[in-house]
Amino acid sequence: MSIGEMLAATVPMARTLNLEFLETTPDKAVVTLPDQGDYHNHVGGPHAGAMFTLGESASGAIVLAAFGDQLSRAVPLAVSAEIAYRKLAMGPVTATATLGRPAAEVVARLDAGERPEFPVAIEIRRADGAVTGEMTVVWTLRPHG
């Protein structure tokens, strides 16, 4: 099962919005929100909440790809999120997430008995390539027990 399939199966909101997980590696996650009238705002583009969910889902996908081998000892949790809406989004939008710290550094902090926090940066783009939103989600790996 791919990470996208796993997220769609375990995160109902990802299914609700019909998010498409195009690429999920430890280096990058790319997720698309199709153009769907039920999730439009008052000007006919994707609603801000749908764009937030798209970005957060892309960040979760890269966290699972980068730290999936740590799930037996820690659970990934979003700590905080910030989003800036830069341009009017119309049609389908795609979020690309990248880790803000090397995965090995985060795992080393976990190995040291800490609860590491790390940022994930997300760019949301329209089909023409224009950046419509920029987001940062801070994640933690919370050790079990």
N, C-alpha and C. Protein backbone atom coordinates (compact mmCIF):
# COMPACT_ATOMS: atom_id res chain seq x y z
N MET A 1 0.85 -1.18 0.00
CA MET A 1 0.00 0.00 0.00
C MET A 1 0.89 1.24 0.00
N SER A 2 0.60 2.18 -0.89
CA SER A 2 1.39 3.41 -0.95
C SER A 2 1.01 4.33 0.21
N ILE A 3 1.84 5.32 0.46
CA ILE A 3 1.55 6.28 1.52
C ILE A 3 0.26 7.04 1.20
N GLY A 4 0.07 7.40 -0.06
CA GLY A 4 -1.16 8.07 -0.46
C GLY A 4 -2.39 7.21 -0.19
N GLU A 5 -2.29 5.93 -0.52
CA GLU A 5 -3.41 5.01 -0.26
C GLU A 5 -3.64 4.86 1.24
N MET A 6 -2.55 4.81 2.00
CA MET A 6 -2.67 4.68 3.46
C MET A 6 -3.33 5.92 4.05
N LEU A 7 -2.93 7.10 3.60
CA LEU A 7 -3.55 8.33 4.10
C LEU A 7 -5.02 8.41 3.72
N ALA A 8 -5.33 8.04 2.49
CA ALA A 8 -6.73 8.06 2.07
C ALA A 8 -7.56 7.09 2.89
N ALA A 9 -6.96 5.96 3.27
CA ALA A 9 -7.69 4.94 4.05
C ALA A 9 -7.85 5.34 5.51
N THR A 10 -6.89 6.08 6.05
CA THR A 10 -6.91 6.36 7.50
C THR A 10 -7.30 7.79 7.85
N VAL A 11 -7.29 8.70 6.89
CA VAL A 11 -7.64 10.10 7.14
C VAL A 11 -8.88 10.44 6.31
N PRO A 12 -10.05 10.39 6.93
CA PRO A 12 -11.29 10.60 6.18
C PRO A 12 -11.32 11.92 5.39
N MET A 13 -10.71 12.98 5.93
CA MET A 13 -10.74 14.27 5.23
C MET A 13 -10.03 14.19 3.88
N ALA A 14 -8.95 13.41 3.79
CA ALA A 14 -8.24 13.25 2.52
C ALA A 14 -9.17 12.59 1.49
N ARG A 15 -9.95 11.61 1.92
CA ARG A 15 -10.93 10.96 1.03
C ARG A 15 -12.04 11.93 0.66
N THR A 16 -12.52 12.68 1.65
CA THR A 16 -13.64 13.60 1.41
C THR A 16 -13.29 14.58 0.30
N LEU A 17 -12.08 15.11 0.32
CA LEU A 17 -11.67 16.10 -0.68
C LEU A 17 -11.14 15.46 -1.97
N ASN A 18 -11.11 14.12 -2.02
CA ASN A 18 -10.61 13.41 -3.21
C ASN A 18 -9.18 13.82 -3.56
N LEU A 19 -8.35 13.99 -2.53
CA LEU A 19 -6.96 14.37 -2.77
C LEU A 19 -6.25 13.27 -3.55
N GLU A 20 -5.38 13.69 -4.46
CA GLU A 20 -4.61 12.76 -5.29
C GLU A 20 -3.14 12.87 -4.89
N PHE A 21 -2.58 11.78 -4.39
CA PHE A 21 -1.18 11.75 -3.96
C PHE A 21 -0.33 11.34 -5.16
N LEU A 22 0.34 12.34 -5.78
CA LEU A 22 1.07 12.11 -7.02
C LEU A 22 2.47 11.58 -6.79
N GLU A 23 3.12 12.06 -5.73
CA GLU A 23 4.50 11.65 -5.44
C GLU A 23 4.69 11.72 -3.93
N THR A 24 5.26 10.69 -3.36
CA THR A 24 5.54 10.69 -1.93
C THR A 24 6.87 9.98 -1.70
N THR A 25 7.90 10.79 -1.42
CA THR A 25 9.22 10.26 -1.11
C THR A 25 9.69 10.96 0.17
N PRO A 26 10.78 10.50 0.77
CA PRO A 26 11.32 11.20 1.94
C PRO A 26 11.81 12.61 1.62
N ASP A 27 11.95 12.94 0.33
CA ASP A 27 12.44 14.26 -0.08
C ASP A 27 11.34 15.21 -0.52
N LYS A 28 10.20 14.66 -0.97
CA LYS A 28 9.16 15.52 -1.53
C LYS A 28 7.83 14.78 -1.55
N ALA A 29 6.76 15.51 -1.25
CA ALA A 29 5.41 14.97 -1.42
C ALA A 29 4.63 15.95 -2.28
N VAL A 30 3.92 15.41 -3.27
CA VAL A 30 3.13 16.23 -4.19
C VAL A 30 1.70 15.70 -4.17
N VAL A 31 0.76 16.59 -3.81
CA VAL A 31 -0.63 16.21 -3.66
C VAL A 31 -1.49 17.24 -4.38
N THR A 32 -2.51 16.76 -5.12
CA THR A 32 -3.39 17.65 -5.87
C THR A 32 -4.80 17.62 -5.31
N LEU A 33 -5.41 18.80 -5.27
CA LEU A 33 -6.82 18.96 -4.96
C LEU A 33 -7.53 19.23 -6.28
N PRO A 34 -8.35 18.27 -6.77
CA PRO A 34 -9.06 18.50 -8.02
C PRO A 34 -10.04 19.67 -7.89
N ASP A 35 -10.40 20.25 -9.01
CA ASP A 35 -11.40 21.33 -9.02
C ASP A 35 -12.77 20.71 -8.79
N GLN A 36 -13.39 21.02 -7.65
CA GLN A 36 -14.68 20.43 -7.29
C GLN A 36 -15.59 21.52 -6.74
N GLY A 37 -16.72 21.71 -7.38
CA GLY A 37 -17.65 22.77 -6.99
C GLY A 37 -18.07 22.73 -5.53
N ASP A 38 -18.18 21.55 -4.96
CA ASP A 38 -18.61 21.45 -3.56
C ASP A 38 -17.60 22.06 -2.59
N TYR A 39 -16.36 22.28 -3.04
CA TYR A 39 -15.33 22.82 -2.16
C TYR A 39 -14.83 24.18 -2.63
N HIS A 40 -15.69 24.91 -3.37
CA HIS A 40 -15.34 26.25 -3.84
C HIS A 40 -15.66 27.30 -2.78
N ASN A 41 -15.04 28.45 -2.95
CA ASN A 41 -15.35 29.62 -2.13
C ASN A 41 -16.31 30.53 -2.90
N HIS A 42 -16.49 31.73 -2.41
CA HIS A 42 -17.44 32.67 -3.01
C HIS A 42 -17.01 33.22 -4.36
N VAL A 43 -15.76 33.01 -4.78
CA VAL A 43 -15.31 33.49 -6.08
C VAL A 43 -15.04 32.34 -7.06
N GLY A 44 -15.41 31.11 -6.67
CA GLY A 44 -15.33 29.99 -7.61
C GLY A 44 -14.04 29.20 -7.60
N GLY A 45 -13.15 29.50 -6.66
CA GLY A 45 -11.91 28.74 -6.54
C GLY A 45 -11.97 27.83 -5.33
N PRO A 46 -10.90 27.08 -5.07
CA PRO A 46 -10.89 26.20 -3.91
C PRO A 46 -10.98 27.01 -2.61
N HIS A 47 -11.82 26.54 -1.70
CA HIS A 47 -12.00 27.19 -0.40
C HIS A 47 -10.70 27.17 0.38
N ALA A 48 -10.47 28.21 1.18
CA ALA A 48 -9.25 28.31 1.98
C ALA A 48 -9.06 27.09 2.87
N GLY A 49 -10.13 26.58 3.43
CA GLY A 49 -10.03 25.39 4.29
C GLY A 49 -9.62 24.16 3.51
N ALA A 50 -10.10 24.05 2.27
CA ALA A 50 -9.69 22.92 1.43
C ALA A 50 -8.21 23.04 1.07
N MET A 51 -7.75 24.26 0.81
CA MET A 51 -6.33 24.46 0.50
C MET A 51 -5.47 24.16 1.72
N PHE A 52 -5.94 24.54 2.91
CA PHE A 52 -5.21 24.22 4.13
C PHE A 52 -5.10 22.70 4.29
N THR A 53 -6.21 22.00 4.09
CA THR A 53 -6.20 20.54 4.21
C THR A 53 -5.27 19.91 3.18
N LEU A 54 -5.26 20.44 1.97
CA LEU A 54 -4.34 19.96 0.94
C LEU A 54 -2.90 20.09 1.41
N GLY A 55 -2.52 21.28 1.90
CA GLY A 55 -1.14 21.50 2.35
C GLY A 55 -0.78 20.64 3.54
N GLU A 56 -1.70 20.53 4.50
CA GLU A 56 -1.43 19.71 5.68
C GLU A 56 -1.30 18.24 5.30
N SER A 57 -2.10 17.80 4.35
CA SER A 57 -2.02 16.40 3.89
C SER A 57 -0.70 16.13 3.18
N ALA A 58 -0.22 17.08 2.38
CA ALA A 58 1.08 16.91 1.73
C ALA A 58 2.19 16.84 2.79
N SER A 59 2.06 17.67 3.83
CA SER A 59 3.08 17.62 4.89
C SER A 59 3.04 16.28 5.61
N GLY A 60 1.86 15.76 5.85
CA GLY A 60 1.74 14.46 6.50
C GLY A 60 2.31 13.34 5.65
N ALA A 61 2.14 13.45 4.34
CA ALA A 61 2.66 12.42 3.44
C ALA A 61 4.18 12.37 3.48
N ILE A 62 4.84 13.53 3.47
CA ILE A 62 6.30 13.51 3.51
C ILE A 62 6.79 13.06 4.88
N VAL A 63 6.07 13.40 5.95
CA VAL A 63 6.46 12.95 7.28
C VAL A 63 6.39 11.42 7.35
N LEU A 64 5.35 10.83 6.80
CA LEU A 64 5.25 9.37 6.80
C LEU A 64 6.33 8.74 5.93
N ALA A 65 6.63 9.37 4.79
CA ALA A 65 7.68 8.83 3.92
C ALA A 65 9.05 8.90 4.59
N ALA A 66 9.30 10.01 5.27
CA ALA A 66 10.62 10.20 5.88
C ALA A 66 10.80 9.45 7.20
N PHE A 67 9.69 9.28 7.94
CA PHE A 67 9.81 8.73 9.29
C PHE A 67 8.93 7.50 9.52
N GLY A 68 8.44 6.89 8.47
CA GLY A 68 7.60 5.71 8.60
C GLY A 68 8.29 4.58 9.34
N ASP A 69 9.61 4.52 9.24
CA ASP A 69 10.36 3.47 9.93
C ASP A 69 10.48 3.74 11.43
N GLN A 70 9.98 4.87 11.89
CA GLN A 70 10.03 5.22 13.32
C GLN A 70 8.69 5.01 14.02
N LEU A 71 7.66 4.56 13.29
CA LEU A 71 6.31 4.47 13.86
C LEU A 71 6.21 3.48 15.01
N SER A 72 7.11 2.52 15.08
CA SER A 72 7.06 1.56 16.18
C SER A 72 7.44 2.21 17.51
N ARG A 73 8.11 3.36 17.46
CA ARG A 73 8.53 4.00 18.71
C ARG A 73 8.04 5.43 18.89
N ALA A 74 7.43 6.01 17.85
CA ALA A 74 6.95 7.40 17.96
C ALA A 74 5.79 7.63 17.01
N VAL A 75 4.91 8.54 17.39
CA VAL A 75 3.79 8.90 16.54
C VAL A 75 4.01 10.33 16.02
N PRO A 76 3.86 10.55 14.71
CA PRO A 76 3.98 11.91 14.19
C PRO A 76 2.69 12.70 14.47
N LEU A 77 2.87 13.91 14.95
CA LEU A 77 1.74 14.80 15.25
C LEU A 77 2.06 16.20 14.76
N ALA A 78 1.06 16.86 14.16
CA ALA A 78 1.22 18.26 13.80
C ALA A 78 1.13 19.09 15.07
N VAL A 79 2.06 20.03 15.23
CA VAL A 79 2.13 20.89 16.41
C VAL A 79 1.49 22.25 16.12
N SER A 80 1.82 22.80 14.96
CA SER A 80 1.27 24.11 14.58
C SER A 80 1.32 24.24 13.06
N ALA A 81 0.57 25.20 12.54
CA ALA A 81 0.55 25.42 11.10
C ALA A 81 0.29 26.89 10.83
N GLU A 82 0.88 27.36 9.75
CA GLU A 82 0.70 28.75 9.31
C GLU A 82 0.56 28.73 7.80
N ILE A 83 -0.40 29.49 7.29
CA ILE A 83 -0.60 29.53 5.84
C ILE A 83 -0.77 30.98 5.40
N ALA A 84 -0.23 31.28 4.22
CA ALA A 84 -0.40 32.59 3.60
C ALA A 84 -1.00 32.36 2.22
N TYR A 85 -2.10 33.03 1.94
CA TYR A 85 -2.75 32.92 0.63
C TYR A 85 -2.21 34.06 -0.22
N ARG A 86 -1.45 33.72 -1.28
CA ARG A 86 -0.69 34.70 -2.06
C ARG A 86 -1.43 35.23 -3.29
N LYS A 87 -2.08 34.34 -4.01
CA LYS A 87 -2.79 34.72 -5.24
C LYS A 87 -4.10 33.95 -5.28
N LEU A 88 -5.03 34.43 -6.09
CA LEU A 88 -6.30 33.75 -6.25
C LEU A 88 -6.07 32.37 -6.86
N ALA A 89 -6.60 31.38 -6.21
CA ALA A 89 -6.49 30.01 -6.71
C ALA A 89 -7.76 29.69 -7.47
N MET A 90 -7.61 29.14 -8.67
CA MET A 90 -8.73 28.70 -9.48
C MET A 90 -8.36 27.36 -10.08
N GLY A 91 -9.35 26.49 -10.24
CA GLY A 91 -9.10 25.19 -10.83
C GLY A 91 -8.37 24.28 -9.85
N PRO A 92 -7.76 23.22 -10.39
CA PRO A 92 -7.02 22.31 -9.51
C PRO A 92 -5.78 23.00 -8.95
N VAL A 93 -5.42 22.65 -7.71
CA VAL A 93 -4.21 23.19 -7.10
C VAL A 93 -3.37 22.02 -6.57
N THR A 94 -2.06 22.23 -6.59
CA THR A 94 -1.13 21.18 -6.19
C THR A 94 -0.21 21.68 -5.11
N ALA A 95 -0.07 20.88 -4.06
CA ALA A 95 0.82 21.22 -2.95
C ALA A 95 2.08 20.36 -3.04
N THR A 96 3.23 21.01 -2.85
CA THR A 96 4.52 20.32 -2.81
C THR A 96 5.14 20.58 -1.45
N ALA A 97 5.41 19.50 -0.71
CA ALA A 97 5.96 19.61 0.63
C ALA A 97 7.41 19.14 0.66
N THR A 98 8.24 19.84 1.44
CA THR A 98 9.63 19.45 1.65
C THR A 98 9.96 19.60 3.13
N LEU A 99 10.84 18.72 3.63
CA LEU A 99 11.26 18.79 5.02
C LEU A 99 12.15 20.01 5.23
N GLY A 100 11.98 20.66 6.38
CA GLY A 100 12.79 21.83 6.71
C GLY A 100 14.07 21.48 7.45
N ARG A 101 14.21 20.22 7.88
CA ARG A 101 15.43 19.74 8.54
C ARG A 101 15.73 18.35 8.01
N PRO A 102 16.99 17.97 7.93
CA PRO A 102 17.32 16.63 7.46
C PRO A 102 16.69 15.57 8.37
N ALA A 103 16.13 14.53 7.76
CA ALA A 103 15.48 13.46 8.52
C ALA A 103 16.45 12.83 9.52
N ALA A 104 17.70 12.64 9.12
CA ALA A 104 18.69 12.02 10.01
C ALA A 104 18.88 12.84 11.28
N GLU A 105 18.83 14.15 11.17
CA GLU A 105 18.97 15.03 12.34
C GLU A 105 17.78 14.86 13.29
N VAL A 106 16.58 14.75 12.73
CA VAL A 106 15.38 14.55 13.54
C VAL A 106 15.45 13.21 14.26
N VAL A 107 15.85 12.16 13.54
CA VAL A 107 15.96 10.82 14.14
C VAL A 107 17.03 10.82 15.23
N ALA A 108 18.13 11.54 15.03
CA ALA A 108 19.18 11.61 16.04
C ALA A 108 18.64 12.24 17.33
N ARG A 109 17.78 13.23 17.21
CA ARG A 109 17.17 13.85 18.40
C ARG A 109 16.25 12.85 19.09
N LEU A 110 15.52 12.07 18.31
CA LEU A 110 14.66 11.03 18.87
C LEU A 110 15.52 9.98 19.59
N ASP A 111 16.63 9.58 18.95
CA ASP A 111 17.55 8.62 19.55
C ASP A 111 18.11 9.13 20.88
N ALA A 112 18.25 10.45 21.00
CA ALA A 112 18.80 11.05 22.22
C ALA A 112 17.74 11.18 23.32
N GLY A 113 16.54 10.66 23.06
CA GLY A 113 15.49 10.70 24.07
C GLY A 113 14.65 11.96 24.05
N GLU A 114 14.82 12.77 23.01
CA GLU A 114 14.06 14.01 22.90
C GLU A 114 12.78 13.78 22.10
N ARG A 115 11.91 14.78 22.13
CA ARG A 115 10.72 14.80 21.29
C ARG A 115 10.98 15.88 20.23
N PRO A 116 11.57 15.48 19.10
CA PRO A 116 11.99 16.49 18.12
C PRO A 116 10.81 17.17 17.43
N GLU A 117 11.00 18.44 17.13
CA GLU A 117 10.06 19.19 16.30
C GLU A 117 10.80 19.62 15.05
N PHE A 118 10.08 19.67 13.94
CA PHE A 118 10.70 20.04 12.67
C PHE A 118 9.65 20.62 11.75
N PRO A 119 10.03 21.60 10.92
CA PRO A 119 9.08 22.22 10.01
C PRO A 119 9.01 21.47 8.67
N VAL A 120 7.84 21.54 8.07
CA VAL A 120 7.65 21.10 6.70
C VAL A 120 7.14 22.31 5.93
N ALA A 121 7.80 22.65 4.83
CA ALA A 121 7.41 23.78 3.99
C ALA A 121 6.56 23.27 2.83
N ILE A 122 5.49 23.99 2.54
CA ILE A 122 4.58 23.59 1.47
C ILE A 122 4.31 24.78 0.56
N GLU A 123 4.42 24.55 -0.75
CA GLU A 123 3.98 25.54 -1.74
C GLU A 123 2.75 24.98 -2.43
N ILE A 124 1.73 25.83 -2.59
CA ILE A 124 0.51 25.45 -3.30
C ILE A 124 0.48 26.26 -4.59
N ARG A 125 0.32 25.56 -5.71
CA ARG A 125 0.36 26.21 -7.02
C ARG A 125 -0.89 25.89 -7.84
N ARG A 126 -1.25 26.86 -8.69
CA ARG A 126 -2.29 26.64 -9.70
C ARG A 126 -1.69 25.86 -10.86
N ALA A 127 -2.55 25.46 -11.78
CA ALA A 127 -2.09 24.71 -12.95
C ALA A 127 -1.10 25.52 -13.80
N ASP A 128 -1.20 26.87 -13.77
CA ASP A 128 -0.27 27.69 -14.56
C ASP A 128 1.06 27.90 -13.85
N GLY A 129 1.23 27.31 -12.67
CA GLY A 129 2.48 27.39 -11.95
C GLY A 129 2.57 28.50 -10.93
N ALA A 130 1.61 29.42 -10.92
CA ALA A 130 1.65 30.53 -9.96
C ALA A 130 1.45 30.00 -8.54
N VAL A 131 2.26 30.52 -7.61
CA VAL A 131 2.14 30.14 -6.20
C VAL A 131 0.93 30.85 -5.62
N THR A 132 -0.05 30.07 -5.18
CA THR A 132 -1.26 30.65 -4.58
C THR A 132 -1.23 30.62 -3.07
N GLY A 133 -0.38 29.77 -2.51
CA GLY A 133 -0.29 29.69 -1.06
C GLY A 133 1.05 29.15 -0.61
N GLU A 134 1.48 29.59 0.56
CA GLU A 134 2.69 29.08 1.20
C GLU A 134 2.33 28.71 2.62
N MET A 135 2.81 27.56 3.05
CA MET A 135 2.39 27.03 4.34
C MET A 135 3.58 26.39 5.04
N THR A 136 3.58 26.45 6.35
CA THR A 136 4.54 25.72 7.15
C THR A 136 3.77 24.96 8.22
N VAL A 137 4.03 23.67 8.32
CA VAL A 137 3.46 22.86 9.38
C VAL A 137 4.63 22.36 10.22
N VAL A 138 4.58 22.61 11.51
CA VAL A 138 5.60 22.09 12.43
C VAL A 138 5.07 20.76 12.97
N TRP A 139 5.89 19.72 12.83
CA TRP A 139 5.55 18.38 13.28
C TRP A 139 6.46 17.97 14.43
N THR A 140 6.01 16.99 15.19
CA THR A 140 6.84 16.38 16.21
C THR A 140 6.72 14.86 16.05
N LEU A 141 7.74 14.17 16.55
CA LEU A 141 7.67 12.72 16.70
C LEU A 141 7.57 12.48 18.20
N ARG A 142 6.36 12.13 18.66
CA ARG A 142 6.15 11.91 20.09
C ARG A 142 6.42 10.46 20.42
N PRO A 143 7.43 10.21 21.26
CA PRO A 143 7.74 8.84 21.63
C PRO A 143 6.54 8.16 22.32
N HIS A 144 6.36 6.88 22.06
CA HIS A 144 5.31 6.11 22.74
C HIS A 144 5.63 5.99 24.21
N GLY A 145 4.57 5.92 25.01
CA GLY A 145 4.75 5.69 26.46
C GLY A 145 5.06 6.90 27.15
